[in-house]
Structure formats: structure tokens, C-alpha cells
Amino acid sequence: MAKRIMVVEDNDLNRKLFCDVLSANGYDVDPVADGDLVLQTARDTSPDLIIMDIQLPGISGVDLIEAAKRESALESIPVLAVTAFAAKGDEERIRSAGAAGYLAKPVSITPFMNAVNGLLPD
């Protein structure tokens, strides 16, 4: 059975790119554009991995990661943070919120897929 990945990204082009690349690599993908739907979608779909944009309208991806890690049904799902935030200290702050991986935008396909594959349970 294919692994399920939830892609949280408000930018239409980035979301489509991530979803297309993941689908082409055999993953089932659940795209989410609205930060307010992230936790409920994760509860409903039980993804194997969440790819989380940090800059979302109206809500921080960091806050969503922290909220997911507080829920017993979601806490074990690894999160790959993908963000344009690449200032000193941002990676540490995002990882301390519970992200298992971190990539700065713009993202290249090979490092992206390496990060995804590295975080998925066997």
C-alpha cells in the first residue's frame, strides 16, 4: 500500500509541484491549502508524513506542528517543514516545535525527495 503524505502549502504552484513530484514517486497525496483544515484533515486521513509550510495565512505552521504534537492521534506523524524562513535560529525554532525535518525554499527535487524518503517509516 502506498504511503500517504499530507501537503500543507498555501501557494498553488508550490502545492501542485510537491503533489505532482510525490505522486510521480508513488505516494498518495492529500493537498491542504487552508491552515484551519490541517489538524482535522490529519485526523481524517492519518498520513504517514506531513509536509508543512511555515508561512500560512492567519496561522503559523509552527503553531500547527506544536498542536499536532499535543494530540495522541497525530504526535507520531513526522513533519517536514518547508519554509522561506531561513534566518539564523529558524531551523532550531521549527525543529523544537516538533518538526523532524527542515528544508528552506526554494526547494530542489532531489533534496526534497531525500528528505521525504528519510522521514517515512518503513
N, C-alpha and C. Protein backbone atom coordinates (compact mmCIF):
# COMPACT_ATOMS: atom_id res chain seq x y z
N MET A 1 0.84 -1.18 0.00
CA MET A 1 0.00 0.00 0.00
C MET A 1 0.89 1.25 0.00
N ALA A 2 0.51 2.22 -0.80
CA ALA A 2 1.30 3.44 -0.91
C ALA A 2 1.22 4.26 0.37
N LYS A 3 2.32 4.91 0.69
CA LYS A 3 2.35 5.80 1.85
C LYS A 3 1.54 7.05 1.52
N ARG A 4 0.86 7.60 2.53
CA ARG A 4 0.03 8.80 2.37
C ARG A 4 0.78 10.00 2.94
N ILE A 5 0.84 11.07 2.14
CA ILE A 5 1.52 12.29 2.55
C ILE A 5 0.56 13.47 2.44
N MET A 6 0.45 14.22 3.51
CA MET A 6 -0.37 15.43 3.50
C MET A 6 0.55 16.61 3.21
N VAL A 7 0.20 17.39 2.19
CA VAL A 7 1.00 18.54 1.78
C VAL A 7 0.24 19.81 2.17
N VAL A 8 0.78 20.54 3.15
CA VAL A 8 0.18 21.79 3.62
C VAL A 8 0.96 22.94 3.00
N GLU A 9 0.35 23.61 2.03
CA GLU A 9 1.03 24.68 1.30
C GLU A 9 -0.04 25.60 0.72
N ASP A 10 0.02 26.90 1.05
CA ASP A 10 -0.99 27.83 0.55
C ASP A 10 -0.70 28.33 -0.86
N ASN A 11 0.55 28.25 -1.30
CA ASN A 11 0.91 28.69 -2.65
C ASN A 11 0.52 27.60 -3.65
N ASP A 12 -0.36 27.95 -4.59
CA ASP A 12 -0.90 26.96 -5.53
C ASP A 12 0.20 26.26 -6.34
N LEU A 13 1.17 27.02 -6.83
CA LEU A 13 2.24 26.42 -7.65
C LEU A 13 3.11 25.47 -6.84
N ASN A 14 3.49 25.89 -5.64
CA ASN A 14 4.31 25.02 -4.77
C ASN A 14 3.54 23.75 -4.40
N ARG A 15 2.27 23.92 -4.04
CA ARG A 15 1.46 22.76 -3.65
C ARG A 15 1.34 21.78 -4.82
N LYS A 16 1.08 22.29 -6.02
CA LYS A 16 0.97 21.42 -7.19
C LYS A 16 2.30 20.73 -7.47
N LEU A 17 3.40 21.47 -7.39
CA LEU A 17 4.70 20.87 -7.64
C LEU A 17 4.98 19.74 -6.65
N PHE A 18 4.81 20.01 -5.36
CA PHE A 18 5.06 18.99 -4.34
C PHE A 18 4.18 17.76 -4.58
N CYS A 19 2.89 18.00 -4.84
CA CYS A 19 1.96 16.89 -5.03
C CYS A 19 2.30 16.09 -6.29
N ASP A 20 2.65 16.77 -7.37
CA ASP A 20 3.00 16.08 -8.62
C ASP A 20 4.24 15.22 -8.44
N VAL A 21 5.26 15.78 -7.78
CA VAL A 21 6.50 15.03 -7.56
C VAL A 21 6.24 13.82 -6.67
N LEU A 22 5.48 14.01 -5.61
CA LEU A 22 5.19 12.90 -4.70
C LEU A 22 4.36 11.82 -5.39
N SER A 23 3.35 12.23 -6.15
CA SER A 23 2.51 11.27 -6.88
C SER A 23 3.34 10.49 -7.89
N ALA A 24 4.23 11.18 -8.59
CA ALA A 24 5.09 10.52 -9.58
C ALA A 24 6.02 9.51 -8.93
N ASN A 25 6.29 9.69 -7.63
CA ASN A 25 7.14 8.76 -6.89
C ASN A 25 6.33 7.69 -6.14
N GLY A 26 5.04 7.60 -6.45
CA GLY A 26 4.22 6.52 -5.92
C GLY A 26 3.50 6.77 -4.62
N TYR A 27 3.49 8.01 -4.16
CA TYR A 27 2.81 8.32 -2.89
C TYR A 27 1.38 8.77 -3.13
N ASP A 28 0.49 8.47 -2.18
CA ASP A 28 -0.85 9.04 -2.16
C ASP A 28 -0.73 10.40 -1.48
N VAL A 29 -1.35 11.42 -2.07
CA VAL A 29 -1.15 12.78 -1.59
C VAL A 29 -2.48 13.44 -1.25
N ASP A 30 -2.50 14.11 -0.10
CA ASP A 30 -3.65 14.92 0.32
C ASP A 30 -3.21 16.37 0.40
N PRO A 31 -3.55 17.20 -0.59
CA PRO A 31 -3.17 18.62 -0.55
C PRO A 31 -4.11 19.41 0.37
N VAL A 32 -3.53 20.31 1.15
CA VAL A 32 -4.30 21.19 2.03
C VAL A 32 -3.77 22.60 1.85
N ALA A 33 -4.65 23.53 1.47
CA ALA A 33 -4.24 24.91 1.24
C ALA A 33 -4.58 25.81 2.42
N ASP A 34 -5.54 25.40 3.25
CA ASP A 34 -6.06 26.23 4.33
C ASP A 34 -5.54 25.71 5.67
N GLY A 35 -4.77 26.54 6.36
CA GLY A 35 -4.21 26.14 7.65
C GLY A 35 -5.25 25.71 8.67
N ASP A 36 -6.46 26.27 8.57
CA ASP A 36 -7.52 25.92 9.52
C ASP A 36 -8.01 24.47 9.35
N LEU A 37 -7.70 23.85 8.21
CA LEU A 37 -8.15 22.49 7.94
C LEU A 37 -7.09 21.43 8.24
N VAL A 38 -5.90 21.86 8.62
CA VAL A 38 -4.77 20.93 8.74
C VAL A 38 -5.01 19.84 9.77
N LEU A 39 -5.33 20.20 10.99
CA LEU A 39 -5.45 19.20 12.04
C LEU A 39 -6.59 18.23 11.77
N GLN A 40 -7.75 18.73 11.32
CA GLN A 40 -8.88 17.85 11.04
C GLN A 40 -8.57 16.92 9.87
N THR A 41 -7.91 17.45 8.83
CA THR A 41 -7.54 16.60 7.69
C THR A 41 -6.57 15.52 8.14
N ALA A 42 -5.62 15.86 8.99
CA ALA A 42 -4.68 14.86 9.51
C ALA A 42 -5.40 13.79 10.32
N ARG A 43 -6.37 14.20 11.13
CA ARG A 43 -7.14 13.22 11.90
C ARG A 43 -7.92 12.30 10.97
N ASP A 44 -8.50 12.87 9.91
CA ASP A 44 -9.34 12.11 8.98
C ASP A 44 -8.54 11.16 8.09
N THR A 45 -7.33 11.54 7.69
CA THR A 45 -6.59 10.77 6.70
C THR A 45 -5.43 9.95 7.27
N SER A 46 -5.02 10.24 8.49
CA SER A 46 -3.89 9.54 9.13
C SER A 46 -2.69 9.41 8.20
N PRO A 47 -2.09 10.54 7.79
CA PRO A 47 -0.97 10.46 6.86
C PRO A 47 0.27 9.85 7.52
N ASP A 48 1.15 9.33 6.67
CA ASP A 48 2.43 8.79 7.15
C ASP A 48 3.45 9.90 7.34
N LEU A 49 3.20 11.05 6.68
CA LEU A 49 4.10 12.21 6.75
C LEU A 49 3.29 13.46 6.47
N ILE A 50 3.64 14.55 7.15
CA ILE A 50 3.04 15.86 6.85
C ILE A 50 4.15 16.77 6.38
N ILE A 51 3.95 17.37 5.21
CA ILE A 51 4.86 18.40 4.71
C ILE A 51 4.19 19.72 5.02
N MET A 52 4.85 20.55 5.84
CA MET A 52 4.22 21.74 6.40
C MET A 52 4.93 23.02 5.98
N ASP A 53 4.20 23.87 5.27
CA ASP A 53 4.67 25.23 5.02
C ASP A 53 4.59 25.97 6.35
N ILE A 54 5.55 26.82 6.63
CA ILE A 54 5.55 27.54 7.91
C ILE A 54 4.79 28.86 7.81
N GLN A 55 4.82 29.50 6.66
CA GLN A 55 4.12 30.78 6.49
C GLN A 55 2.77 30.54 5.83
N LEU A 56 1.73 30.44 6.64
CA LEU A 56 0.37 30.25 6.15
C LEU A 56 -0.47 31.46 6.54
N PRO A 57 -1.44 31.83 5.72
CA PRO A 57 -2.28 32.98 6.06
C PRO A 57 -3.07 32.72 7.34
N GLY A 58 -2.95 33.59 8.30
CA GLY A 58 -3.77 33.52 9.51
C GLY A 58 -3.29 32.56 10.58
N ILE A 59 -2.34 31.70 10.27
CA ILE A 59 -1.86 30.74 11.26
C ILE A 59 -0.42 30.34 10.93
N SER A 60 0.33 30.09 11.95
CA SER A 60 1.73 29.70 11.77
C SER A 60 1.84 28.19 11.66
N GLY A 61 2.66 27.73 10.72
CA GLY A 61 2.93 26.30 10.62
C GLY A 61 3.58 25.77 11.88
N VAL A 62 4.36 26.61 12.56
CA VAL A 62 4.98 26.21 13.83
C VAL A 62 3.88 25.90 14.86
N ASP A 63 2.87 26.76 14.93
CA ASP A 63 1.75 26.51 15.85
C ASP A 63 1.02 25.22 15.50
N LEU A 64 0.86 24.96 14.21
CA LEU A 64 0.18 23.73 13.79
C LEU A 64 1.00 22.50 14.14
N ILE A 65 2.32 22.57 13.98
CA ILE A 65 3.19 21.45 14.36
C ILE A 65 3.05 21.19 15.86
N GLU A 66 3.13 22.26 16.65
CA GLU A 66 3.01 22.10 18.11
C GLU A 66 1.66 21.51 18.49
N ALA A 67 0.59 21.95 17.84
CA ALA A 67 -0.75 21.44 18.13
C ALA A 67 -0.85 19.96 17.77
N ALA A 68 -0.29 19.57 16.63
CA ALA A 68 -0.33 18.17 16.23
C ALA A 68 0.44 17.29 17.21
N LYS A 69 1.56 17.79 17.70
CA LYS A 69 2.39 17.01 18.62
C LYS A 69 1.72 16.86 19.99
N ARG A 70 0.72 17.68 20.28
CA ARG A 70 -0.02 17.57 21.55
C ARG A 70 -1.17 16.56 21.46
N GLU A 71 -1.50 16.10 20.24
CA GLU A 71 -2.61 15.16 20.06
C GLU A 71 -2.09 13.74 19.94
N SER A 72 -2.63 12.85 20.75
CA SER A 72 -2.13 11.47 20.73
C SER A 72 -2.29 10.82 19.36
N ALA A 73 -3.34 11.15 18.62
CA ALA A 73 -3.56 10.54 17.31
C ALA A 73 -2.59 11.06 16.25
N LEU A 74 -1.97 12.22 16.49
CA LEU A 74 -1.12 12.85 15.48
C LEU A 74 0.35 12.93 15.88
N GLU A 75 0.66 12.76 17.15
CA GLU A 75 2.00 13.05 17.65
C GLU A 75 3.11 12.23 17.01
N SER A 76 2.78 11.02 16.54
CA SER A 76 3.83 10.17 15.97
C SER A 76 4.06 10.42 14.48
N ILE A 77 3.25 11.27 13.85
CA ILE A 77 3.41 11.54 12.42
C ILE A 77 4.58 12.51 12.23
N PRO A 78 5.60 12.11 11.46
CA PRO A 78 6.72 13.03 11.24
C PRO A 78 6.29 14.22 10.38
N VAL A 79 6.90 15.37 10.66
CA VAL A 79 6.60 16.60 9.94
C VAL A 79 7.87 17.10 9.28
N LEU A 80 7.78 17.37 7.97
CA LEU A 80 8.86 18.01 7.23
C LEU A 80 8.45 19.45 7.00
N ALA A 81 9.15 20.38 7.64
CA ALA A 81 8.87 21.81 7.48
C ALA A 81 9.57 22.30 6.23
N VAL A 82 8.81 23.00 5.38
CA VAL A 82 9.35 23.59 4.16
C VAL A 82 9.01 25.07 4.24
N THR A 83 10.05 25.91 4.23
CA THR A 83 9.79 27.31 4.52
C THR A 83 10.76 28.26 3.83
N ALA A 84 10.27 29.45 3.59
CA ALA A 84 11.14 30.51 3.09
C ALA A 84 11.88 31.17 4.25
N PHE A 85 11.45 30.86 5.48
CA PHE A 85 12.16 31.34 6.66
C PHE A 85 13.50 30.62 6.74
N ALA A 86 14.56 31.30 6.50
CA ALA A 86 15.86 30.64 6.56
C ALA A 86 16.86 31.49 7.33
N ALA A 87 16.35 32.30 8.24
CA ALA A 87 17.22 33.15 9.05
C ALA A 87 17.85 32.33 10.17
N LYS A 88 18.90 32.86 10.74
CA LYS A 88 19.59 32.20 11.84
C LYS A 88 18.60 31.92 12.97
N GLY A 89 18.59 30.70 13.43
CA GLY A 89 17.73 30.32 14.54
C GLY A 89 16.38 29.75 14.11
N ASP A 90 15.97 29.98 12.86
CA ASP A 90 14.65 29.49 12.44
C ASP A 90 14.56 27.97 12.43
N GLU A 91 15.60 27.32 11.91
CA GLU A 91 15.55 25.85 11.87
C GLU A 91 15.45 25.28 13.28
N GLU A 92 16.22 25.81 14.21
CA GLU A 92 16.17 25.31 15.58
C GLU A 92 14.78 25.53 16.20
N ARG A 93 14.20 26.70 15.93
CA ARG A 93 12.86 27.01 16.47
C ARG A 93 11.82 26.05 15.90
N ILE A 94 11.91 25.79 14.60
CA ILE A 94 10.94 24.93 13.93
C ILE A 94 11.13 23.48 14.38
N ARG A 95 12.37 23.03 14.50
CA ARG A 95 12.62 21.67 14.98
C ARG A 95 12.19 21.51 16.44
N SER A 96 12.39 22.54 17.25
CA SER A 96 11.99 22.42 18.66
C SER A 96 10.47 22.36 18.81
N ALA A 97 9.75 22.85 17.81
CA ALA A 97 8.29 22.74 17.82
C ALA A 97 7.83 21.31 17.52
N GLY A 98 8.74 20.50 16.96
CA GLY A 98 8.41 19.11 16.70
C GLY A 98 8.65 18.65 15.27
N ALA A 99 9.15 19.52 14.41
CA ALA A 99 9.43 19.10 13.03
C ALA A 99 10.61 18.13 13.02
N ALA A 100 10.46 17.04 12.28
CA ALA A 100 11.52 16.04 12.17
C ALA A 100 12.51 16.40 11.08
N GLY A 101 12.07 17.25 10.15
CA GLY A 101 12.93 17.66 9.04
C GLY A 101 12.68 19.10 8.68
N TYR A 102 13.63 19.70 7.96
CA TYR A 102 13.55 21.12 7.62
C TYR A 102 14.21 21.35 6.27
N LEU A 103 13.49 22.01 5.36
CA LEU A 103 14.05 22.42 4.08
C LEU A 103 13.72 23.89 3.84
N ALA A 104 14.70 24.65 3.36
CA ALA A 104 14.47 26.04 3.02
C ALA A 104 14.07 26.14 1.55
N LYS A 105 13.10 27.02 1.28
CA LYS A 105 12.71 27.29 -0.11
C LYS A 105 13.71 28.26 -0.71
N PRO A 106 13.92 28.22 -2.01
CA PRO A 106 13.31 27.28 -2.95
C PRO A 106 13.87 25.88 -2.78
N VAL A 107 13.02 24.90 -3.02
CA VAL A 107 13.37 23.51 -2.79
C VAL A 107 13.70 22.84 -4.12
N SER A 108 14.80 22.12 -4.16
CA SER A 108 15.15 21.30 -5.32
C SER A 108 14.57 19.91 -5.13
N ILE A 109 14.25 19.26 -6.23
CA ILE A 109 13.54 17.99 -6.18
C ILE A 109 14.34 16.89 -5.46
N THR A 110 15.61 16.73 -5.76
CA THR A 110 16.38 15.63 -5.16
C THR A 110 16.49 15.78 -3.63
N PRO A 111 16.88 16.95 -3.10
CA PRO A 111 16.90 17.07 -1.64
C PRO A 111 15.51 16.90 -1.01
N PHE A 112 14.48 17.37 -1.72
CA PHE A 112 13.11 17.23 -1.25
C PHE A 112 12.75 15.74 -1.11
N MET A 113 13.00 14.96 -2.16
CA MET A 113 12.66 13.54 -2.12
C MET A 113 13.55 12.79 -1.12
N ASN A 114 14.80 13.17 -1.00
CA ASN A 114 15.67 12.55 0.01
C ASN A 114 15.12 12.78 1.41
N ALA A 115 14.67 14.01 1.67
CA ALA A 115 14.10 14.34 2.99
C ALA A 115 12.81 13.56 3.23
N VAL A 116 11.95 13.51 2.23
CA VAL A 116 10.69 12.76 2.36
C VAL A 116 10.98 11.30 2.64
N ASN A 117 11.80 10.68 1.81
CA ASN A 117 12.10 9.26 1.98
C ASN A 117 12.78 8.96 3.31
N GLY A 118 13.59 9.89 3.79
CA GLY A 118 14.29 9.71 5.05
C GLY A 118 13.38 9.77 6.27
N LEU A 119 12.23 10.42 6.13
CA LEU A 119 11.32 10.57 7.26
C LEU A 119 10.19 9.56 7.29
N LEU A 120 9.99 8.85 6.20
CA LEU A 120 8.89 7.89 6.16
C LEU A 120 9.26 6.59 6.85
N PRO A 121 8.37 6.09 7.69
CA PRO A 121 8.63 4.80 8.34
C PRO A 121 8.60 3.68 7.30
N ASP A 122 9.38 2.65 7.54
CA ASP A 122 9.42 1.51 6.61
C ASP A 122 8.17 0.67 6.71
